[in-house]
């Protein structure tokens, strides 16, 4: 069950990174 909890955590981190990139691109 430990692996299942880590999977969603990685997805959330990826979403945060994607949002930051999208926000920085238009700023430039």
C-alpha atoms as a PDB file:
ATOM      1  CA  UNK A   1       0.000   0.000   0.000  1.00  0.00           C
ATOM      2  CA  UNK A   2       3.009   2.291   0.545  1.00  0.00           C
ATOM      3  CA  UNK A   3       3.660   2.386  -3.206  1.00  0.00           C
ATOM      4  CA  UNK A   4       0.082   3.474  -3.924  1.00  0.00           C
ATOM      5  CA  UNK A   5       0.500   6.494  -1.645  1.00  0.00           C
ATOM      6  CA  UNK A   6       3.758   7.513  -3.363  1.00  0.00           C
ATOM      7  CA  UNK A   7       2.261   7.370  -6.876  1.00  0.00           C
ATOM      8  CA  UNK A   8      -0.338  10.153  -6.329  1.00  0.00           C
ATOM      9  CA  UNK A   9       2.269  12.243  -4.528  1.00  0.00           C
ATOM     10  CA  UNK A  10       4.516  12.220  -7.620  1.00  0.00           C
ATOM     11  CA  UNK A  11       1.571  13.196  -9.847  1.00  0.00           C
ATOM     12  CA  UNK A  12       0.780  16.204  -7.641  1.00  0.00           C
ATOM     13  CA  UNK A  13       4.424  17.368  -7.761  1.00  0.00           C
ATOM     14  CA  UNK A  14       4.400  17.081 -11.570  1.00  0.00           C
ATOM     15  CA  UNK A  15       1.229  19.188 -11.771  1.00  0.00           C
ATOM     16  CA  UNK A  16       2.851  21.902  -9.640  1.00  0.00           C
ATOM     17  CA  UNK A  17       5.927  21.949 -11.901  1.00  0.00           C
ATOM     18  CA  UNK A  18       3.772  22.164 -15.051  1.00  0.00           C
ATOM     19  CA  UNK A  19       1.773  25.061 -13.589  1.00  0.00           C
ATOM     20  CA  UNK A  20       4.974  26.931 -12.685  1.00  0.00           C
ATOM     21  CA  UNK A  21       6.349  26.498 -16.230  1.00  0.00           C
ATOM     22  CA  UNK A  22       3.066  27.674 -17.798  1.00  0.00           C
ATOM     23  CA  UNK A  23       3.021  30.725 -15.507  1.00  0.00           C
ATOM     24  CA  UNK A  24       6.683  31.596 -16.212  1.00  0.00           C
ATOM     25  CA  UNK A  25       6.373  31.230 -20.001  1.00  0.00           C
ATOM     26  CA  UNK A  26       3.661  33.939 -20.427  1.00  0.00           C
ATOM     27  CA  UNK A  27       5.523  36.194 -17.959  1.00  0.00           C
ATOM     28  CA  UNK A  28       8.518  36.230 -20.311  1.00  0.00           C
END
